[in-house]
Amino acid sequence: MRVVLVEDEGLAAEDLAQTLSLVLPQVEIVKYIQSVQEGISFFRDNPKVDLIFSDIQLGDGLSFEIFREVLVSAPIVFCTAYDDYLLEAFKTNGIDYILKPISNGAVESTMQKYFGLQRQLSQWPVNHNLKNGLFSDLMGQTQSRQSALVVHHHGRIIPLVVEDVALCYIEYENVFVKTFDGKEYAVNKSLDDLEKTLGGLFFRANRQHLVNRAALRHASYTLSRKLSLDLAIAHSSRVYVSREKASTFLRWLEAKELD
């Protein structure tokens, strides 16, 4: 597996190379790149690599300039001490964004994502349009369906596909999201903000819960005429829709299209 490291700090590059060799012994570091100009020159002559790990702030500019100047089809993992460039990273072939200092666990998670995307791509027709790179195209399709929800988890910034979020809720005055596979993440947004940004796919059941329609198995009336929701995921408390909101909730369920 041929990997290029774009990093202008020698010790940081050595540490990352060592971490990669521990996580994936078959990795071959084919080039260390320390500047934007060096990167442009290298990728013009050597476009075929398997994966790129790239710092963002280099001595002569941002590494994004490399990938604007040269068409690179390999996926890119951005490694940086800052989270200011997340959206820009995913406009390129970015598949992950790791905050420094980089841990073995973060690299392992990234490689799992890389191999998962490889498996998906192997099912595509061979003549698929490569103009913007296979990984870029795949990630673009995923993100174009609906915007991602950015969460922070163990020093990493993770863009969750909105459709993967089953429930948003308040607990101990903090806001969390829970995915369909049972993972929970804290978010730096209020439930009111999430209600506005996630669109009609979600319903504000009450002050504490925002529910994805796909997470609902069924609903039933209680003696007080509230609706009790049975969800497809495990949750620490029962989710109810108030009597006053019940008719609105039922109309939402019947809607043919969700914004």
C-alpha atoms as a PDB file:
ATOM      1  CA  MET A   1       0.000   0.000   0.000  1.00  0.00           C
ATOM      2  CA  ARG A   2       1.622   3.222  -1.234  1.00  0.00           C
ATOM      3  CA  VAL A   3       1.178   6.208   1.091  1.00  0.00           C
ATOM      4  CA  VAL A   4       2.356   9.820   0.837  1.00  0.00           C
ATOM      5  CA  LEU A   5       2.800  12.033   3.911  1.00  0.00           C
ATOM      6  CA  VAL A   6       2.381  15.796   3.507  1.00  0.00           C
ATOM      7  CA  GLU A   7       3.896  17.300   6.660  1.00  0.00           C
ATOM      8  CA  ASP A   8       6.398  20.123   7.146  1.00  0.00           C
ATOM      9  CA  GLU A   9       7.441  19.106  10.666  1.00  0.00           C
ATOM     10  CA  GLY A  10       9.985  16.293  10.567  1.00  0.00           C
ATOM     11  CA  LEU A  11       9.193  14.815  13.982  1.00  0.00           C
ATOM     12  CA  ALA A  12       5.460  14.836  13.293  1.00  0.00           C
ATOM     13  CA  ALA A  13       6.046  13.044   9.981  1.00  0.00           C
ATOM     14  CA  GLU A  14       8.220  10.413  11.667  1.00  0.00           C
ATOM     15  CA  ASP A  15       5.644   9.855  14.419  1.00  0.00           C
ATOM     16  CA  LEU A  16       2.855   9.419  11.884  1.00  0.00           C
ATOM     17  CA  ALA A  17       4.951   7.028   9.790  1.00  0.00           C
ATOM     18  CA  GLN A  18       5.674   4.948  12.879  1.00  0.00           C
ATOM     19  CA  THR A  19       1.998   4.864  13.844  1.00  0.00           C
ATOM     20  CA  LEU A  20       1.038   3.792  10.329  1.00  0.00           C
ATOM     21  CA  SER A  21       3.598   0.990  10.332  1.00  0.00           C
ATOM     22  CA  LEU A  22       2.198  -0.301  13.629  1.00  0.00           C
ATOM     23  CA  VAL A  23      -1.418  -0.166  12.470  1.00  0.00           C
ATOM     24  CA  LEU A  24      -0.734  -1.431   8.947  1.00  0.00           C
ATOM     25  CA  PRO A  25       2.658  -3.167   8.527  1.00  0.00           C
ATOM     26  CA  GLN A  26       2.309  -3.407   4.731  1.00  0.00           C
ATOM     27  CA  VAL A  27       2.338   0.388   4.352  1.00  0.00           C
ATOM     28  CA  GLU A  28       5.090   1.839   2.159  1.00  0.00           C
ATOM     29  CA  ILE A  29       5.789   5.547   2.636  1.00  0.00           C
ATOM     30  CA  VAL A  30       6.769   6.528  -0.891  1.00  0.00           C
ATOM     31  CA  LYS A  31       7.264  10.264  -0.270  1.00  0.00           C
ATOM     32  CA  TYR A  32       7.513  12.873   2.479  1.00  0.00           C
ATOM     33  CA  ILE A  33       6.306  16.260   1.212  1.00  0.00           C
ATOM     34  CA  GLN A  34       7.092  19.427   3.175  1.00  0.00           C
ATOM     35  CA  SER A  35       5.640  22.264   1.091  1.00  0.00           C
ATOM     36  CA  VAL A  36       2.846  23.191  -1.299  1.00  0.00           C
ATOM     37  CA  GLN A  37       5.246  23.593  -4.222  1.00  0.00           C
ATOM     38  CA  GLU A  38       6.915  20.252  -3.544  1.00  0.00           C
ATOM     39  CA  GLY A  39       3.489  18.619  -3.404  1.00  0.00           C
ATOM     40  CA  ILE A  40       2.364  20.106  -6.715  1.00  0.00           C
ATOM     41  CA  SER A  41       5.588  18.978  -8.388  1.00  0.00           C
ATOM     42  CA  PHE A  42       5.383  15.451  -6.985  1.00  0.00           C
ATOM     43  CA  PHE A  43       1.724  14.749  -7.774  1.00  0.00           C
ATOM     44  CA  ARG A  44       2.062  16.058 -11.329  1.00  0.00           C
ATOM     45  CA  ASP A  45       4.627  13.335 -12.003  1.00  0.00           C
ATOM     46  CA  ASN A  46       3.395  10.649  -9.589  1.00  0.00           C
ATOM     47  CA  PRO A  47      -0.405  10.699  -9.524  1.00  0.00           C
ATOM     48  CA  LYS A  48      -0.877   7.045  -8.567  1.00  0.00           C
ATOM     49  CA  VAL A  49      -0.727   6.496  -4.829  1.00  0.00           C
ATOM     50  CA  ASP A  50      -3.180   4.659  -2.607  1.00  0.00           C
ATOM     51  CA  LEU A  51      -3.638   7.111   0.251  1.00  0.00           C
ATOM     52  CA  ILE A  52      -2.440  10.546   1.368  1.00  0.00           C
ATOM     53  CA  PHE A  53      -2.054  11.789   4.939  1.00  0.00           C
ATOM     54  CA  SER A  54      -1.783  15.566   4.862  1.00  0.00           C
ATOM     55  CA  ASP A  55      -1.211  18.347   7.346  1.00  0.00           C
ATOM     56  CA  ILE A  56      -3.072  21.503   6.344  1.00  0.00           C
ATOM     57  CA  GLN A  57      -0.847  24.405   7.357  1.00  0.00           C
ATOM     58  CA  LEU A  58       2.482  24.164   5.543  1.00  0.00           C
ATOM     59  CA  GLY A  59       5.316  26.676   5.458  1.00  0.00           C
ATOM     60  CA  ASP A  60       4.301  28.159   2.094  1.00  0.00           C
ATOM     61  CA  GLY A  61       0.519  27.875   2.324  1.00  0.00           C
ATOM     62  CA  LEU A  62      -2.337  25.452   2.879  1.00  0.00           C
ATOM     63  CA  SER A  63      -2.138  21.923   1.493  1.00  0.00           C
ATOM     64  CA  PHE A  64      -5.544  22.457  -0.170  1.00  0.00           C
ATOM     65  CA  GLU A  65      -3.629  24.469  -2.785  1.00  0.00           C
ATOM     66  CA  ILE A  66      -1.886  21.267  -3.895  1.00  0.00           C
ATOM     67  CA  PHE A  67      -5.148  19.484  -4.593  1.00  0.00           C
ATOM     68  CA  ARG A  68      -6.693  22.491  -6.338  1.00  0.00           C
ATOM     69  CA  GLU A  69      -3.702  22.675  -8.669  1.00  0.00           C
ATOM     70  CA  VAL A  70      -3.247  18.958  -9.398  1.00  0.00           C
ATOM     71  CA  LEU A  71      -5.925  16.328  -9.982  1.00  0.00           C
ATOM     72  CA  VAL A  72      -5.303  13.606  -7.403  1.00  0.00           C
ATOM     73  CA  SER A  73      -7.621  10.595  -7.310  1.00  0.00           C
ATOM     74  CA  ALA A  74      -6.284   9.109  -4.065  1.00  0.00           C
ATOM     75  CA  PRO A  75      -8.295   9.680  -0.872  1.00  0.00           C
ATOM     76  CA  ILE A  76      -6.857  12.147   1.628  1.00  0.00           C
ATOM     77  CA  VAL A  77      -6.776  12.054   5.423  1.00  0.00           C
ATOM     78  CA  PHE A  78      -6.205  15.525   6.849  1.00  0.00           C
ATOM     79  CA  CYS A  79      -4.211  15.732  10.087  1.00  0.00           C
ATOM     80  CA  THR A  80      -4.099  19.046  11.906  1.00  0.00           C
ATOM     81  CA  ALA A  81      -4.085  20.697  15.300  1.00  0.00           C
ATOM     82  CA  TYR A  82      -7.053  22.869  14.292  1.00  0.00           C
ATOM     83  CA  ASP A  83     -10.682  22.177  13.390  1.00  0.00           C
ATOM     84  CA  ASP A  84     -11.131  25.349  11.314  1.00  0.00           C
ATOM     85  CA  TYR A  85     -10.803  23.649   7.936  1.00  0.00           C
ATOM     86  CA  LEU A  86     -13.312  20.796   8.201  1.00  0.00           C
ATOM     87  CA  LEU A  87     -15.686  21.888   5.439  1.00  0.00           C
ATOM     88  CA  GLU A  88     -12.837  22.756   3.080  1.00  0.00           C
ATOM     89  CA  ALA A  89     -11.294  19.322   3.680  1.00  0.00           C
ATOM     90  CA  PHE A  90     -14.395  17.518   2.497  1.00  0.00           C
ATOM     91  CA  LYS A  91     -14.558  19.592  -0.683  1.00  0.00           C
ATOM     92  CA  THR A  92     -11.443  17.705  -1.796  1.00  0.00           C
ATOM     93  CA  ASN A  93     -10.938  13.926  -1.705  1.00  0.00           C
ATOM     94  CA  GLY A  94     -10.994  14.062   2.086  1.00  0.00           C
ATOM     95  CA  ILE A  95     -12.314  10.952   3.798  1.00  0.00           C
ATOM     96  CA  ASP A  96     -11.299  11.791   7.366  1.00  0.00           C
ATOM     97  CA  TYR A  97     -10.054  14.655   9.531  1.00  0.00           C
ATOM     98  CA  ILE A  98      -7.869  13.808  12.530  1.00  0.00           C
ATOM     99  CA  LEU A  99      -6.859  16.236  15.245  1.00  0.00           C
ATOM    100  CA  LYS A 100      -3.268  16.182  16.472  1.00  0.00           C
ATOM    101  CA  PRO A 101      -1.726  14.610  18.472  1.00  0.00           C
ATOM    102  CA  ILE A 102      -2.580  11.530  16.426  1.00  0.00           C
ATOM    103  CA  SER A 103      -3.306   8.310  18.292  1.00  0.00           C
ATOM    104  CA  ASN A 104      -3.097   4.709  17.091  1.00  0.00           C
ATOM    105  CA  GLY A 105      -6.850   4.411  17.612  1.00  0.00           C
ATOM    106  CA  ALA A 106      -7.567   7.380  15.355  1.00  0.00           C
ATOM    107  CA  VAL A 107      -5.432   5.904  12.567  1.00  0.00           C
ATOM    108  CA  GLU A 108      -7.058   2.481  12.987  1.00  0.00           C
ATOM    109  CA  SER A 109     -10.502   4.059  12.662  1.00  0.00           C
ATOM    110  CA  THR A 110      -9.399   5.952   9.558  1.00  0.00           C
ATOM    111  CA  MET A 111      -8.045   2.816   7.917  1.00  0.00           C
ATOM    112  CA  GLN A 112     -11.308   0.991   8.609  1.00  0.00           C
ATOM    113  CA  LYS A 113     -13.141   3.794   6.832  1.00  0.00           C
ATOM    114  CA  TYR A 114     -10.664   3.650   3.935  1.00  0.00           C
ATOM    115  CA  PHE A 115     -11.076  -0.097   3.423  1.00  0.00           C
ATOM    116  CA  GLY A 116     -14.848   0.213   3.786  1.00  0.00           C
ATOM    117  CA  LEU A 117     -14.934   2.780   0.986  1.00  0.00           C
ATOM    118  CA  GLN A 118     -12.674   0.559  -1.103  1.00  0.00           C
ATOM    119  CA  ARG A 119     -15.171  -2.287  -0.779  1.00  0.00           C
ATOM    120  CA  GLN A 120     -17.979  -0.020  -1.940  1.00  0.00           C
ATOM    121  CA  LEU A 121     -15.959   1.227  -4.890  1.00  0.00           C
ATOM    122  CA  SER A 122     -15.117  -2.316  -5.975  1.00  0.00           C
ATOM    123  CA  GLN A 123     -18.807  -2.789  -6.790  1.00  0.00           C
ATOM    124  CA  TRP A 124     -18.924   0.178  -9.170  1.00  0.00           C
ATOM    125  CA  PRO A 125     -18.571  -0.151 -12.974  1.00  0.00           C
ATOM    126  CA  VAL A 126     -14.944  -0.009 -14.113  1.00  0.00           C
ATOM    127  CA  ASN A 127     -15.628   2.888 -16.484  1.00  0.00           C
ATOM    128  CA  HIS A 128     -17.063   5.135 -13.763  1.00  0.00           C
ATOM    129  CA  ASN A 129     -16.200   8.788 -14.325  1.00  0.00           C
ATOM    130  CA  LEU A 130     -12.859   9.418 -12.614  1.00  0.00           C
ATOM    131  CA  LYS A 131     -12.705  13.156 -13.278  1.00  0.00           C
ATOM    132  CA  ASN A 132     -12.770  14.158  -9.617  1.00  0.00           C
ATOM    133  CA  GLY A 133     -11.452  10.905  -8.150  1.00  0.00           C
ATOM    134  CA  LEU A 134     -13.414   7.867  -7.081  1.00  0.00           C
ATOM    135  CA  PHE A 135     -13.355   8.642  -3.386  1.00  0.00           C
ATOM    136  CA  SER A 136     -14.282  12.260  -3.940  1.00  0.00           C
ATOM    137  CA  ASP A 137     -17.246  11.177  -6.044  1.00  0.00           C
ATOM    138  CA  LEU A 138     -18.431   8.633  -3.502  1.00  0.00           C
ATOM    139  CA  MET A 139     -18.149  11.033  -0.576  1.00  0.00           C
ATOM    140  CA  GLY A 140     -19.864  13.728  -2.621  1.00  0.00           C
ATOM    141  CA  GLN A 141     -22.832  11.476  -3.319  1.00  0.00           C
ATOM    142  CA  THR A 142     -23.132  10.607   0.355  1.00  0.00           C
ATOM    143  CA  GLN A 143     -23.031  14.230   1.437  1.00  0.00           C
ATOM    144  CA  SER A 144     -25.309  15.560  -1.303  1.00  0.00           C
ATOM    145  CA  ARG A 145     -28.263  13.518  -0.076  1.00  0.00           C
ATOM    146  CA  GLN A 146     -28.338  15.569   3.127  1.00  0.00           C
ATOM    147  CA  SER A 147     -25.825  17.603   5.047  1.00  0.00           C
ATOM    148  CA  ALA A 148     -23.671  15.982   7.691  1.00  0.00           C
ATOM    149  CA  LEU A 149     -23.836  16.624  11.408  1.00  0.00           C
ATOM    150  CA  VAL A 150     -20.393  17.339  12.831  1.00  0.00           C
ATOM    151  CA  VAL A 151     -19.594  15.810  16.231  1.00  0.00           C
ATOM    152  CA  HIS A 152     -16.470  15.658  18.403  1.00  0.00           C
ATOM    153  CA  HIS A 153     -15.387  12.303  19.811  1.00  0.00           C
ATOM    154  CA  HIS A 154     -12.105  11.454  21.580  1.00  0.00           C
ATOM    155  CA  GLY A 155     -10.202  14.273  19.865  1.00  0.00           C
ATOM    156  CA  ARG A 156     -11.587  13.500  16.412  1.00  0.00           C
ATOM    157  CA  ILE A 157     -14.053  15.465  14.321  1.00  0.00           C
ATOM    158  CA  ILE A 158     -16.616  13.151  12.748  1.00  0.00           C
ATOM    159  CA  PRO A 159     -19.163  14.130  10.069  1.00  0.00           C
ATOM    160  CA  LEU A 160     -22.206  11.920  10.677  1.00  0.00           C
ATOM    161  CA  VAL A 161     -24.574  11.376   7.775  1.00  0.00           C
ATOM    162  CA  VAL A 162     -27.883  12.796   9.002  1.00  0.00           C
ATOM    163  CA  GLU A 163     -29.817   9.691   7.981  1.00  0.00           C
ATOM    164  CA  ASP A 164     -27.615   7.642  10.332  1.00  0.00           C
ATOM    165  CA  VAL A 165     -28.840   9.638  13.337  1.00  0.00           C
ATOM    166  CA  ALA A 166     -31.822   8.000  15.038  1.00  0.00           C
ATOM    167  CA  LEU A 167     -32.384  10.330  17.973  1.00  0.00           C
ATOM    168  CA  CYS A 168     -31.241  13.678  19.368  1.00  0.00           C
ATOM    169  CA  TYR A 169     -31.863  14.277  23.055  1.00  0.00           C
ATOM    170  CA  ILE A 170     -31.043  16.325  26.138  1.00  0.00           C
ATOM    171  CA  GLU A 171     -29.555  14.630  29.175  1.00  0.00           C
ATOM    172  CA  TYR A 172     -28.039  16.380  32.205  1.00  0.00           C
ATOM    173  CA  GLU A 173     -28.328  19.694  30.307  1.00  0.00           C
ATOM    174  CA  ASN A 174     -26.133  18.403  27.466  1.00  0.00           C
ATOM    175  CA  VAL A 175     -27.236  17.522  23.944  1.00  0.00           C
ATOM    176  CA  PHE A 176     -26.437  14.118  22.456  1.00  0.00           C
ATOM    177  CA  VAL A 177     -27.175  12.245  19.256  1.00  0.00           C
ATOM    178  CA  LYS A 178     -27.575   8.497  18.992  1.00  0.00           C
ATOM    179  CA  THR A 179     -27.008   6.623  15.728  1.00  0.00           C
ATOM    180  CA  PHE A 180     -28.851   3.543  14.516  1.00  0.00           C
ATOM    181  CA  ASP A 181     -25.880   1.374  15.483  1.00  0.00           C
ATOM    182  CA  GLY A 182     -26.189   2.562  19.084  1.00  0.00           C
ATOM    183  CA  LYS A 183     -23.257   4.987  19.219  1.00  0.00           C
ATOM    184  CA  GLU A 184     -23.712   8.196  21.196  1.00  0.00           C
ATOM    185  CA  TYR A 185     -22.000  11.541  20.615  1.00  0.00           C
ATOM    186  CA  ALA A 186     -22.145  14.913  22.348  1.00  0.00           C
ATOM    187  CA  VAL A 187     -22.870  17.879  20.073  1.00  0.00           C
ATOM    188  CA  ASN A 188     -22.201  21.577  20.559  1.00  0.00           C
ATOM    189  CA  LYS A 189     -25.675  22.639  19.446  1.00  0.00           C
ATOM    190  CA  SER A 190     -28.986  23.142  21.174  1.00  0.00           C
ATOM    191  CA  LEU A 191     -31.914  20.875  20.377  1.00  0.00           C
ATOM    192  CA  ASP A 192     -33.667  23.931  18.923  1.00  0.00           C
ATOM    193  CA  ASP A 193     -30.772  24.428  16.494  1.00  0.00           C
ATOM    194  CA  LEU A 194     -30.825  20.755  15.506  1.00  0.00           C
ATOM    195  CA  GLU A 195     -34.562  20.922  14.904  1.00  0.00           C
ATOM    196  CA  LYS A 196     -34.037  23.809  12.481  1.00  0.00           C
ATOM    197  CA  THR A 197     -31.082  22.312  10.617  1.00  0.00           C
ATOM    198  CA  LEU A 198     -32.050  18.640  10.328  1.00  0.00           C
ATOM    199  CA  GLY A 199     -35.265  19.308   8.434  1.00  0.00           C
ATOM    200  CA  GLY A 200     -38.480  17.333   8.151  1.00  0.00           C
ATOM    201  CA  LEU A 201     -36.771  13.975   8.546  1.00  0.00           C
ATOM    202  CA  PHE A 202     -36.956  14.597  12.319  1.00  0.00           C
ATOM    203  CA  PHE A 203     -39.871  15.438  14.623  1.00  0.00           C
ATOM    204  CA  ARG A 204     -39.607  17.361  17.897  1.00  0.00           C
ATOM    205  CA  ALA A 205     -41.518  14.952  20.125  1.00  0.00           C
ATOM    206  CA  ASN A 206     -41.033  17.051  23.264  1.00  0.00           C
ATOM    207  CA  ARG A 207     -38.527  19.392  24.879  1.00  0.00           C
ATOM    208  CA  GLN A 208     -35.989  16.587  25.340  1.00  0.00           C
ATOM    209  CA  HIS A 209     -36.279  14.494  22.158  1.00  0.00           C
ATOM    210  CA  LEU A 210     -35.948  14.927  18.394  1.00  0.00           C
ATOM    211  CA  VAL A 211     -36.794  11.692  16.551  1.00  0.00           C
ATOM    212  CA  ASN A 212     -35.877  10.410  13.079  1.00  0.00           C
ATOM    213  CA  ARG A 213     -38.949   8.948  11.366  1.00  0.00           C
ATOM    214  CA  ALA A 214     -36.923   5.896  10.355  1.00  0.00           C
ATOM    215  CA  ALA A 215     -36.288   5.179  14.049  1.00  0.00           C
ATOM    216  CA  LEU A 216     -39.994   4.761  14.821  1.00  0.00           C
ATOM    217  CA  ARG A 217     -41.384   1.223  15.007  1.00  0.00           C
ATOM    218  CA  HIS A 218     -44.854   2.204  16.164  1.00  0.00           C
ATOM    219  CA  ALA A 219     -46.738   4.601  18.420  1.00  0.00           C
ATOM    220  CA  SER A 220     -49.565   3.950  20.855  1.00  0.00           C
ATOM    221  CA  TYR A 221     -51.872   6.126  22.923  1.00  0.00           C
ATOM    222  CA  THR A 222     -51.494   6.252  26.692  1.00  0.00           C
ATOM    223  CA  LEU A 223     -54.412   6.712  29.087  1.00  0.00           C
ATOM    224  CA  SER A 224     -53.701  10.442  29.113  1.00  0.00           C
ATOM    225  CA  ARG A 225     -53.887  10.471  25.262  1.00  0.00           C
ATOM    226  CA  LYS A 226     -50.195  11.132  24.842  1.00  0.00           C
ATOM    227  CA  LEU A 227     -48.406   9.080  22.191  1.00  0.00           C
ATOM    228  CA  SER A 228     -45.793   6.627  23.421  1.00  0.00           C
ATOM    229  CA  LEU A 229     -43.124   5.944  20.788  1.00  0.00           C
ATOM    230  CA  ASP A 230     -41.520   2.544  20.374  1.00  0.00           C
ATOM    231  CA  LEU A 231     -38.103   3.129  18.808  1.00  0.00           C
ATOM    232  CA  ALA A 232     -35.811   0.848  16.821  1.00  0.00           C
ATOM    233  CA  ILE A 233     -32.922   1.732  19.138  1.00  0.00           C
ATOM    234  CA  ALA A 234     -32.384   1.255  22.856  1.00  0.00           C
ATOM    235  CA  HIS A 235     -32.787   4.426  24.904  1.00  0.00           C
ATOM    236  CA  SER A 236     -32.638   5.131  28.614  1.00  0.00           C
ATOM    237  CA  SER A 237     -36.107   6.692  28.786  1.00  0.00           C
ATOM    238  CA  ARG A 238     -39.438   6.377  27.029  1.00  0.00           C
ATOM    239  CA  VAL A 239     -40.171   9.015  24.389  1.00  0.00           C
ATOM    240  CA  TYR A 240     -43.620  10.618  24.413  1.00  0.00           C
ATOM    241  CA  VAL A 241     -45.461  13.032  22.146  1.00  0.00           C
ATOM    242  CA  SER A 242     -47.794  15.345  24.047  1.00  0.00           C
ATOM    243  CA  ARG A 243     -51.548  15.241  23.528  1.00  0.00           C
ATOM    244  CA  GLU A 244     -51.381  18.715  21.963  1.00  0.00           C
ATOM    245  CA  LYS A 245     -48.758  17.624  19.416  1.00  0.00           C
ATOM    246  CA  ALA A 246     -50.302  14.250  18.572  1.00  0.00           C
ATOM    247  CA  SER A 247     -52.273  15.388  15.518  1.00  0.00           C
ATOM    248  CA  THR A 248     -49.244  17.248  14.118  1.00  0.00           C
ATOM    249  CA  PHE A 249     -47.131  14.140  14.666  1.00  0.00           C
ATOM    250  CA  LEU A 250     -49.624  11.949  12.787  1.00  0.00           C
ATOM    251  CA  ARG A 251     -49.704  14.371   9.848  1.00  0.00           C
ATOM    252  CA  TRP A 252     -45.891  14.285   9.799  1.00  0.00           C
ATOM    253  CA  LEU A 253     -45.955  10.487   9.658  1.00  0.00           C
ATOM    254  CA  GLU A 254     -48.340  10.576   6.702  1.00  0.00           C
ATOM    255  CA  ALA A 255     -46.290  13.098   4.730  1.00  0.00           C
ATOM    256  CA  LYS A 256     -45.097  11.687   1.391  1.00  0.00           C
ATOM    257  CA  GLU A 257     -41.997  13.875   1.205  1.00  0.00           C
ATOM    258  CA  LEU A 258     -39.738  15.235   3.913  1.00  0.00           C
ATOM    259  CA  ASP A 259     -37.661  18.371   3.432  1.00  0.00           C
END
